[in-house]
Amino acid sequence: MPAEIPEFFDPAEDCEQHSPREILARFGYTPFPHNELDKAQLPGRLWELLYAAAARRFFFCNTNHLNDQSLYQLLWISRLSFYEIV
């Protein structure tokens, strides 16, 4: 007998979770490591990352106080690895 199908399927609750980094990679985007970028590359790579994240509906709030390098480091080191979406 097949497994019982729930009456309601909620993707946020019932699907396997993936980090934003894994989801971006699945759709063909892999951000450059923050320590491999020089000052000339950083602004363009940051915007590339922000556009790729927005295309997958990932948005980052409360980042106005950070400069480009600090923001890219924050995203690369921690935010792209979170499994919990708030």
Protein backbone atom coordinates (compact mmCIF):
# COMPACT_ATOMS: atom_id res chain seq x y z
CA MET A 1 0.00 0.00 0.00
CA PRO A 2 1.48 3.43 -0.90
CA ALA A 3 2.47 5.84 1.83
CA GLU A 4 -0.34 8.02 3.05
CA ILE A 5 -0.41 11.38 1.28
CA PRO A 6 -0.95 14.33 3.62
CA GLU A 7 -3.96 16.53 2.99
CA PHE A 8 -1.81 19.63 2.79
CA PHE A 9 1.75 19.89 1.51
CA ASP A 10 3.76 22.91 2.68
CA PRO A 11 7.12 23.17 0.86
CA ALA A 12 8.60 25.28 3.67
CA GLU A 13 7.82 22.58 6.20
CA ASP A 14 7.80 19.35 4.21
CA CYS A 15 10.76 19.65 1.82
CA GLU A 16 14.44 19.01 2.38
CA GLN A 17 16.30 22.14 3.46
CA HIS A 18 19.27 23.58 1.58
CA SER A 19 21.53 26.52 2.34
CA PRO A 20 21.40 29.58 0.08
CA ARG A 21 24.91 28.67 -1.16
CA GLU A 22 23.65 25.22 -2.27
CA ILE A 23 20.60 26.71 -3.97
CA LEU A 24 22.66 29.32 -5.84
CA ALA A 25 25.09 26.60 -6.97
CA ARG A 26 22.20 24.45 -8.21
CA PHE A 27 21.16 27.35 -10.45
CA GLY A 28 24.68 27.92 -11.77
CA TYR A 29 26.07 30.68 -9.57
CA THR A 30 29.03 30.20 -7.26
CA PRO A 31 30.33 33.35 -5.54
CA PHE A 32 34.06 33.99 -5.45
CA PRO A 33 35.74 33.50 -2.07
CA HIS A 34 36.07 36.85 -0.31
CA ASN A 35 39.82 36.45 0.17
CA GLU A 36 40.43 36.06 -3.60
CA LEU A 37 38.94 39.43 -4.59
CA ASP A 38 40.92 42.65 -4.90
CA LYS A 39 39.48 46.13 -4.37
CA ALA A 40 38.79 46.62 -8.07
CA GLN A 41 36.78 43.38 -8.38
CA LEU A 42 34.86 43.64 -5.13
CA PRO A 43 32.02 46.08 -6.07
CA GLY A 44 31.12 44.16 -9.23
CA ARG A 45 31.27 40.76 -7.53
CA LEU A 46 29.16 42.05 -4.65
CA TRP A 47 26.45 43.27 -7.04
CA GLU A 48 26.66 39.99 -8.93
CA LEU A 49 26.06 38.11 -5.66
CA LEU A 50 23.19 40.40 -4.64
CA TYR A 51 21.47 40.02 -8.03
CA ALA A 52 21.92 36.23 -7.99
CA ALA A 53 20.49 36.07 -4.47
CA ALA A 54 17.54 38.31 -5.40
CA ALA A 55 16.80 36.11 -8.41
CA ARG A 56 16.30 33.24 -5.95
CA ARG A 57 14.37 35.57 -3.58
CA PHE A 58 17.06 35.87 -0.92
CA PHE A 59 17.23 39.38 0.48
CA PHE A 60 19.58 40.75 3.14
CA CYS A 61 18.38 43.41 5.57
CA ASN A 62 20.15 45.82 7.92
CA THR A 63 23.40 45.98 5.95
CA ASN A 64 23.62 49.73 5.26
CA HIS A 65 26.26 50.23 7.95
CA LEU A 66 28.70 47.84 6.23
CA ASN A 67 31.20 48.73 3.54
CA ASP A 68 31.47 46.51 0.45
CA GLN A 69 34.26 44.35 1.83
CA SER A 70 32.55 43.78 5.19
CA LEU A 71 29.24 42.94 3.53
CA TYR A 72 30.80 40.46 1.09
CA GLN A 73 32.69 38.81 3.96
CA LEU A 74 29.52 38.57 6.06
CA LEU A 75 27.59 37.01 3.19
CA TRP A 76 30.41 34.63 2.21
CA ILE A 77 31.30 33.45 5.72
CA SER A 78 27.92 33.14 7.39
CA ARG A 79 24.76 34.20 5.58
CA LEU A 80 25.15 31.92 2.55
CA SER A 81 25.58 28.92 4.84
CA PHE A 82 22.41 29.36 6.94
CA TYR A 83 19.78 26.68 6.60
CA GLU A 84 17.19 28.75 8.40
CA ILE A 85 15.40 31.41 6.40
CA VAL A 86 13.81 34.16 8.46
